[in-house]
Protein backbone atom coordinates (compact mmCIF):
# COMPACT_ATOMS: atom_id res chain seq x y z
CA MET A 1 130.46 145.12 73.33
CA PRO A 2 128.59 148.47 73.29
CA PHE A 3 124.93 148.18 74.23
CA HIS A 4 123.67 149.31 70.83
CA GLN A 5 125.58 146.46 69.16
CA ARG A 6 124.09 143.72 71.30
CA LYS A 7 121.58 141.34 69.76
CA THR A 8 118.32 140.50 71.39
CA LEU A 9 117.28 136.86 71.62
CA THR A 10 114.74 137.53 68.85
CA GLN A 11 117.41 138.94 66.55
CA PHE A 12 119.69 136.01 67.27
CA LEU A 13 116.96 133.48 66.44
CA ILE A 14 116.06 135.29 63.20
CA GLU A 15 119.68 135.15 62.09
CA GLU A 16 119.88 131.46 62.96
CA ARG A 17 116.71 130.79 60.99
CA ARG A 18 118.20 132.43 57.89
CA ARG A 19 120.66 129.55 57.68
CA PHE A 20 117.68 127.31 56.86
CA PRO A 21 115.58 128.96 54.13
CA ASP A 22 112.80 126.36 54.40
CA ALA A 23 112.40 126.75 58.16
CA ARG A 24 109.09 127.95 59.54
CA GLY A 25 108.70 130.43 62.35
CA ASP A 26 107.13 128.05 64.87
CA PHE A 27 110.50 126.87 66.20
CA ASN A 28 111.60 130.42 66.98
CA ALA A 29 108.19 131.18 68.44
CA LEU A 30 108.49 128.21 70.79
CA ILE A 31 111.89 129.30 72.08
CA LEU A 32 110.58 132.82 72.64
CA ASP A 33 107.62 131.34 74.54
CA VAL A 34 110.05 129.43 76.76
CA ALA A 35 112.03 132.64 77.31
CA THR A 36 108.84 134.40 78.37
CA ALA A 37 108.10 131.65 80.89
CA CYS A 38 111.62 132.04 82.27
CA LYS A 39 111.06 135.79 82.67
CA GLN A 40 107.91 135.13 84.67
CA ILE A 41 109.73 132.63 86.89
CA ALA A 42 112.64 135.06 87.35
CA ARG A 43 110.19 137.64 88.64
CA GLY A 44 108.68 135.18 91.11
CA VAL A 45 112.13 134.13 92.34
CA ALA A 46 113.24 137.76 92.69
CA PHE A 47 110.29 138.69 94.89
CA GLY A 48 110.85 135.64 97.09
CA ALA A 49 109.33 136.05 100.53
CA LEU A 50 107.97 139.48 99.53
CA GLY A 51 105.72 137.72 97.05
CA GLY A 52 104.78 134.96 99.45
CA MET A 53 106.63 132.44 97.30
CA HIS A 54 108.78 130.77 99.95
CA GLY A 55 107.90 127.45 101.53
CA SER A 56 106.16 124.28 100.41
CA ALA A 57 102.90 124.18 98.49
CA ASP A 58 100.62 122.99 101.30
CA GLY A 59 102.49 119.71 101.67
CA ALA A 60 102.06 118.77 98.00
CA ILE A 61 104.23 115.88 96.74
CA ASN A 62 105.20 115.57 93.08
CA VAL A 63 105.59 112.40 91.01
CA GLN A 64 109.21 112.15 92.13
CA GLY A 65 108.12 111.80 95.77
CA GLU A 66 109.55 115.24 96.54
CA THR A 67 107.85 118.04 98.44
CA GLN A 68 106.72 120.72 96.00
CA GLN A 69 107.71 124.27 96.75
CA LYS A 70 105.33 127.10 95.94
CA LEU A 71 107.69 128.24 93.21
CA ASP A 72 107.76 124.71 91.75
CA VAL A 73 104.03 125.00 91.13
CA LEU A 74 104.24 128.57 89.80
CA SER A 75 107.11 127.65 87.49
CA ASN A 76 105.37 124.59 86.09
CA GLN A 77 102.26 126.63 85.38
CA ALA A 78 104.33 129.35 83.71
CA PHE A 79 105.81 126.90 81.22
CA ILE A 80 102.39 125.40 80.45
CA ARG A 81 100.34 128.57 80.12
CA VAL A 82 102.88 130.44 78.02
CA SER A 83 103.62 127.53 75.65
CA GLU A 84 100.33 125.65 75.20
CA TRP A 85 98.46 128.09 72.97
CA GLY A 86 101.00 129.05 70.30
CA GLY A 87 100.55 126.14 67.91
CA SER A 88 104.17 124.94 68.10
CA LEU A 89 103.67 121.99 70.43
CA ALA A 90 102.12 118.54 70.17
CA GLY A 91 102.60 118.04 73.92
CA MET A 92 104.76 118.66 76.98
CA ALA A 93 106.35 116.68 79.79
CA SER A 94 107.55 118.03 83.14
CA GLU A 95 109.30 116.85 86.25
CA GLU A 96 106.25 117.98 88.18
CA MET A 97 103.67 115.95 86.19
CA GLU A 98 103.32 112.18 86.13
CA GLN A 99 101.81 112.04 82.63
CA PRO A 100 102.44 114.08 79.46
CA TYR A 101 100.49 117.30 79.16
CA GLN A 102 98.02 117.36 76.27
CA ILE A 103 97.51 120.59 74.35
CA PRO A 104 93.91 121.70 75.09
CA ALA A 105 91.41 121.27 72.28
CA PRO A 106 90.85 125.01 71.55
CA TYR A 107 94.53 125.42 70.65
CA PRO A 108 96.30 124.22 67.49
CA ARG A 109 98.93 121.53 67.81
CA GLY A 110 102.40 121.70 66.31
CA LYS A 111 105.37 119.51 65.47
CA TYR A 112 107.51 119.84 68.60
CA LEU A 113 107.63 118.39 72.10
CA LEU A 114 108.77 120.42 75.11
CA VAL A 115 110.35 118.67 78.09
CA PHE A 116 111.33 120.67 81.16
CA ASP A 117 112.37 120.85 84.78
CA PRO A 118 110.54 124.05 85.73
CA LEU A 119 112.66 124.90 88.77
CA ASP A 120 115.87 122.98 89.36
CA GLY A 121 117.40 123.30 92.82
CA SER A 122 114.18 124.52 94.40
CA SER A 123 115.25 123.25 97.83
CA ASN A 124 117.66 126.21 97.81
CA ILE A 125 114.98 128.88 97.38
CA ASP A 126 114.53 129.72 101.04
CA VAL A 127 118.29 130.24 101.52
CA ASN A 128 118.62 132.50 98.45
CA VAL A 129 120.93 130.24 96.45
CA SER A 130 120.76 130.34 92.65
CA VAL A 131 118.14 128.11 91.04
CA GLY A 132 117.13 127.62 87.43
CA SER A 133 114.94 126.06 84.75
CA ILE A 134 116.04 123.40 82.24
CA PHE A 135 114.32 122.61 78.95
CA SER A 136 114.66 120.42 75.88
CA ILE A 137 112.89 120.54 72.51
CA LEU A 138 112.27 117.40 70.46
CA ARG A 139 110.48 116.72 67.19
CA ALA A 140 107.06 115.17 67.67
CA PRO A 141 106.52 111.81 65.94
CA GLU A 142 104.32 111.59 62.89
CA GLY A 143 100.66 111.23 63.75
CA THR A 144 100.77 113.82 66.52
CA GLY A 145 100.48 117.56 66.00
CA GLU A 146 97.87 119.22 63.83
CA GLY A 147 94.81 116.95 63.59
CA GLY A 148 96.70 114.06 65.15
CA ARG A 149 96.40 111.90 68.24
CA ASP A 150 97.26 112.76 71.83
CA VAL A 151 100.90 112.33 72.79
CA THR A 152 102.02 109.36 74.91
CA ASP A 153 105.02 108.64 77.10
CA THR A 154 106.64 106.76 74.23
CA ASP A 155 106.70 109.86 72.01
CA PHE A 156 109.14 111.52 74.42
CA LEU A 157 111.50 108.54 74.69
CA GLN A 158 114.08 109.88 72.27
CA ALA A 159 117.85 109.70 72.74
CA GLY A 160 119.54 112.97 73.62
CA ARG A 161 121.09 113.31 70.17
CA GLU A 162 117.59 113.78 68.78
CA GLN A 163 117.19 117.11 70.58
CA VAL A 164 116.77 120.11 68.30
CA ALA A 165 117.35 122.65 71.05
CA ALA A 166 118.11 122.74 74.75
CA GLY A 167 118.83 125.35 77.34
CA TYR A 168 118.52 126.59 80.87
CA ALA A 169 117.71 129.78 82.69
CA LEU A 170 119.76 130.72 85.75
CA TYR A 171 118.08 132.94 88.35
CA GLY A 172 121.05 134.44 90.18
CA PRO A 173 122.45 137.95 90.69
CA THR A 174 121.47 138.35 87.04
CA THR A 175 119.02 136.19 85.09
CA MET A 176 120.65 134.37 82.19
CA LEU A 177 119.29 132.18 79.42
CA VAL A 178 121.83 129.74 77.96
CA LEU A 179 120.76 128.14 74.69
CA THR A 180 121.89 125.76 71.98
CA VAL A 181 120.04 125.13 68.74
CA GLY A 182 122.76 122.76 67.56
CA ASN A 183 125.17 125.49 66.49
CA GLY A 184 127.23 126.17 69.60
CA VAL A 185 126.13 127.57 72.96
CA HIS A 186 125.15 131.17 73.55
CA GLY A 187 124.33 133.08 76.72
CA PHE A 188 121.77 135.87 77.04
CA THR A 189 121.41 138.21 80.03
CA LEU A 190 118.02 139.62 80.99
CA ASP A 191 118.10 143.42 80.76
CA PRO A 192 116.11 144.59 83.81
CA ASN A 193 115.09 147.81 82.05
CA LEU A 194 114.00 146.48 78.66
CA TYR A 195 113.08 143.11 80.17
CA ASP A 196 114.54 141.44 77.11
CA PHE A 197 117.29 138.82 76.81
CA MET A 198 120.44 140.29 75.25
CA LEU A 199 123.32 138.25 73.79
CA THR A 200 126.23 138.74 76.20
CA HIS A 201 128.11 135.43 76.00
CA PRO A 202 128.38 134.26 72.37
CA ASP A 203 130.03 130.92 71.56
CA MET A 204 130.51 129.72 75.13
CA ARG A 205 133.16 127.01 75.50
CA VAL A 206 133.98 124.73 78.42
CA PRO A 207 137.64 125.35 79.34
CA GLU A 208 139.73 122.27 78.62
CA GLU A 209 141.88 122.49 81.75
CA THR A 210 140.40 122.55 85.23
CA GLN A 211 141.23 122.27 88.90
CA GLU A 212 137.66 122.00 90.22
CA PHE A 213 135.28 119.13 90.75
CA ALA A 214 131.76 118.98 92.18
CA ILE A 215 130.31 116.01 94.03
CA ASN A 216 128.24 115.37 97.15
CA ALA A 217 130.95 113.93 99.39
CA SER A 218 128.43 112.77 102.00
CA ASN A 219 127.59 109.90 99.63
CA SER A 220 131.19 108.71 99.41
CA ARG A 221 130.47 105.42 101.19
CA PHE A 222 128.07 104.52 98.37
CA TRP A 223 130.35 105.40 95.44
CA GLU A 224 131.60 102.83 92.97
CA PRO A 225 135.39 102.25 92.87
CA PRO A 226 136.05 104.36 89.73
CA ILE A 227 134.51 107.45 91.34
CA ARG A 228 136.42 106.84 94.55
CA GLN A 229 139.62 106.57 92.58
CA TYR A 230 139.03 109.81 90.72
CA VAL A 231 138.08 111.80 93.82
CA SER A 232 141.01 110.41 95.80
CA GLU A 233 143.40 111.56 93.10
CA CYS A 234 141.91 115.05 93.21
CA LEU A 235 142.14 115.19 97.00
CA ALA A 236 145.77 114.04 96.95
CA GLY A 237 146.68 117.34 95.28
CA LYS A 238 150.19 118.19 94.17
CA SER A 239 151.67 115.28 96.05
CA GLY A 240 149.45 112.79 94.22
CA SER A 241 149.44 111.33 90.74
CA ARG A 242 147.68 114.38 89.21
CA GLY A 243 150.41 116.74 90.37
CA LYS A 244 148.09 119.66 91.07
CA ASP A 245 145.65 120.86 93.72
CA PHE A 246 141.90 120.70 93.13
CA ASN A 247 139.03 122.62 94.71
CA MET A 248 135.75 120.87 95.51
CA ARG A 249 132.40 122.59 94.92
CA TRP A 250 128.83 121.51 95.63
CA ILE A 251 125.83 123.85 95.23
CA ALA A 252 122.97 121.29 95.03
CA SER A 253 121.62 123.19 92.01
CA MET A 254 122.48 121.48 88.73
CA VAL A 255 121.91 124.63 86.69
CA ALA A 256 124.32 126.61 88.86
CA GLU A 257 126.90 123.80 88.65
CA ALA A 258 126.56 123.62 84.85
CA HIS A 259 126.89 127.38 84.48
CA ARG A 260 130.03 127.53 86.61
CA ILE A 261 131.59 124.76 84.51
CA LEU A 262 130.68 126.53 81.26
CA MET A 263 132.30 129.71 82.54
CA ARG A 264 135.48 128.35 84.12
CA GLY A 265 135.71 124.61 83.63
CA GLY A 266 135.40 121.71 86.04
CA VAL A 267 133.63 118.40 86.32
CA PHE A 268 130.26 117.63 87.93
CA MET A 269 129.47 114.16 89.24
CA TYR A 270 126.18 112.75 90.44
CA PRO A 271 127.09 109.15 89.67
CA ARG A 272 125.22 105.92 90.02
CA ASP A 273 125.85 104.53 93.50
CA THR A 274 124.64 101.88 95.93
CA LYS A 275 122.61 104.17 98.20
CA ASP A 276 119.30 103.04 96.67
CA LEU A 277 119.64 100.10 94.31
CA THR A 278 116.14 100.73 92.92
CA LYS A 279 117.39 103.99 91.37
CA PRO A 280 120.17 103.80 88.73
CA GLY A 281 121.02 107.43 89.45
CA ARG A 282 119.55 110.56 90.97
CA LEU A 283 119.04 112.94 88.05
CA ARG A 284 116.35 112.58 85.40
CA LEU A 285 117.48 111.68 81.91
CA LEU A 286 114.95 113.48 79.70
CA TYR A 287 114.69 116.90 81.31
CA GLU A 288 117.94 117.25 83.26
CA ALA A 289 120.77 115.07 81.93
CA ASN A 290 119.96 115.26 78.20
CA PRO A 291 119.59 119.04 77.86
CA ILE A 292 122.64 119.77 80.00
CA GLY A 293 124.53 117.05 78.13
CA PHE A 294 123.61 118.62 74.78
CA ILE A 295 124.81 122.01 76.01
CA MET A 296 128.10 120.59 77.31
CA GLU A 297 128.89 118.78 74.07
CA GLN A 298 127.97 121.80 71.95
CA ALA A 299 130.39 123.83 74.11
CA GLY A 300 133.26 121.39 73.62
CA GLY A 301 132.80 119.51 76.89
CA ARG A 302 131.54 116.01 77.48
CA ALA A 303 128.57 114.44 79.27
CA SER A 304 128.50 110.80 80.30
CA THR A 305 126.97 108.21 82.58
CA GLY A 306 130.55 107.31 83.46
CA ARG A 307 130.29 104.42 81.04
CA GLU A 308 128.82 105.92 77.86
CA PRO A 309 127.81 109.31 76.45
CA ILE A 310 124.57 110.59 77.98
CA LEU A 311 123.25 111.54 74.56
CA ASP A 312 123.50 107.93 73.33
CA VAL A 313 121.28 106.50 76.08
CA GLN A 314 117.90 105.27 74.83
CA PRO A 315 115.26 106.35 77.37
CA THR A 316 112.87 103.71 78.66
CA SER A 317 110.52 105.81 80.80
CA LEU A 318 109.40 109.41 81.11
CA HIS A 319 110.96 110.01 84.53
CA GLN A 320 113.96 107.71 84.14
CA ARG A 321 116.88 108.42 86.45
CA ILE A 322 120.52 108.09 85.50
CA GLY A 323 124.03 108.67 86.77
CA VAL A 324 125.60 111.85 85.38
CA VAL A 325 129.14 113.12 84.86
CA PHE A 326 129.77 116.25 82.78
CA GLY A 327 132.26 119.02 82.27
CA SER A 328 135.74 119.49 80.86
CA ARG A 329 136.28 116.77 78.27
CA SER A 330 139.60 115.40 79.54
CA GLU A 331 138.29 114.94 83.08
CA VAL A 332 135.11 113.18 81.97
CA GLU A 333 137.11 110.91 79.67
CA ARG A 334 139.40 110.03 82.58
CA ILE A 335 136.40 109.02 84.69
CA GLU A 336 135.04 106.95 81.79
CA ARG A 337 138.39 105.21 81.46
CA TYR A 338 138.34 104.29 85.14
CA HIS A 339 134.86 102.78 84.74
CA HIS A 340 136.05 100.63 81.86
CA GLU A 341 139.36 99.62 83.44
CA LEU A 342 138.17 99.20 87.03
CA PRO A 343 134.49 98.21 86.90
CA GLY A 344 134.44 96.07 90.03
CA ALA A 345 137.79 96.05 91.76
CA GLU A 346 138.48 97.92 94.96
CA LEU A 347 141.50 100.11 94.47
CA PRO A 348 144.33 100.40 96.99
CA ASN A 349 144.70 104.05 97.80
CA PRO A 350 146.09 105.81 100.84
CA LEU A 351 143.16 108.22 101.02
CA PHE A 352 140.73 105.35 101.55
CA ASN A 353 142.55 103.53 104.33
CA GLU A 354 141.51 103.42 108.00
CA ARG A 355 142.44 107.07 108.56
CA SER A 356 140.60 108.43 105.55
CA LEU A 357 137.59 110.68 105.73
CA PHE A 358 136.17 108.48 102.96
CA ARG A 359 136.93 105.16 104.71
CA LEU A 360 135.09 102.18 103.28
CA SER A 361 132.40 100.56 105.40
CA ALA A 362 133.31 97.19 106.81
């Protein structure tokens, strides 16, 4: 598409708003605030060591028990400072904060909640691998917002299908913002000259057929039988029951994994396992699994726990963890079928015998 025919993010949002004559401008304003935060983070990531942004933040530990990187702190502050003053939000919640963030008294409160992972994959920063930000927008319950009470954890505990918008920014060779407002998925590339997001990938769709899967194979000894079965079939290649060869990918950056799958198909698995029985999964439901799940389903893919759709799960806590499988619909449905058919049985398979790289522990 010629440059002069490309829409800016602002133009795109105005056109979307026209479909709803009664809509106010605060929703669009909130998304543009989020986009501004992502631009600020992109600049910090791009400068890297030149800006003194590499390394941990003086040994700081976040609520997840993870070491905070300097860019984790910068990114969290960018989301807060850009979004708190505009009057669109009743409150915010972040991976980096134990409690919800209250909109300061001098600022008006609005009717939305913003939930975000300010910098996903931050452990990759020092090795220059793509990282990103993930966000979700929910409606605030009655009684919050203008003249209302402070928000509580419970206000954010909404199933993924209640999201009104979700998206992510990917800070890679180019900076991209991928967004859904419930009408498909659209990708915007940051123009480094205008410093504006331009629509470059309208109506993104997850390819139905795939020959790629992503999983951390070092955890194979902790996997449940359905995941072992699926991975073994992929590894068996053309000689196995699937009749085709698969490639395995693992970036350790959920945003990068999701973007690859949106662009060329595949399936991502970070399933529930037995490594730590106190955690029913590794990824966080509200600000990782739900927004990515919303994007996948809006793009024709599927997102699941392995047992049920991610978007149907009722959250029980702000930082709840969950097992996640998403990507090309047919592959995710196959994994779900294995969970329902083979919930507890060990499966005989030649790839998991005594010679297998994924041999079961005695």
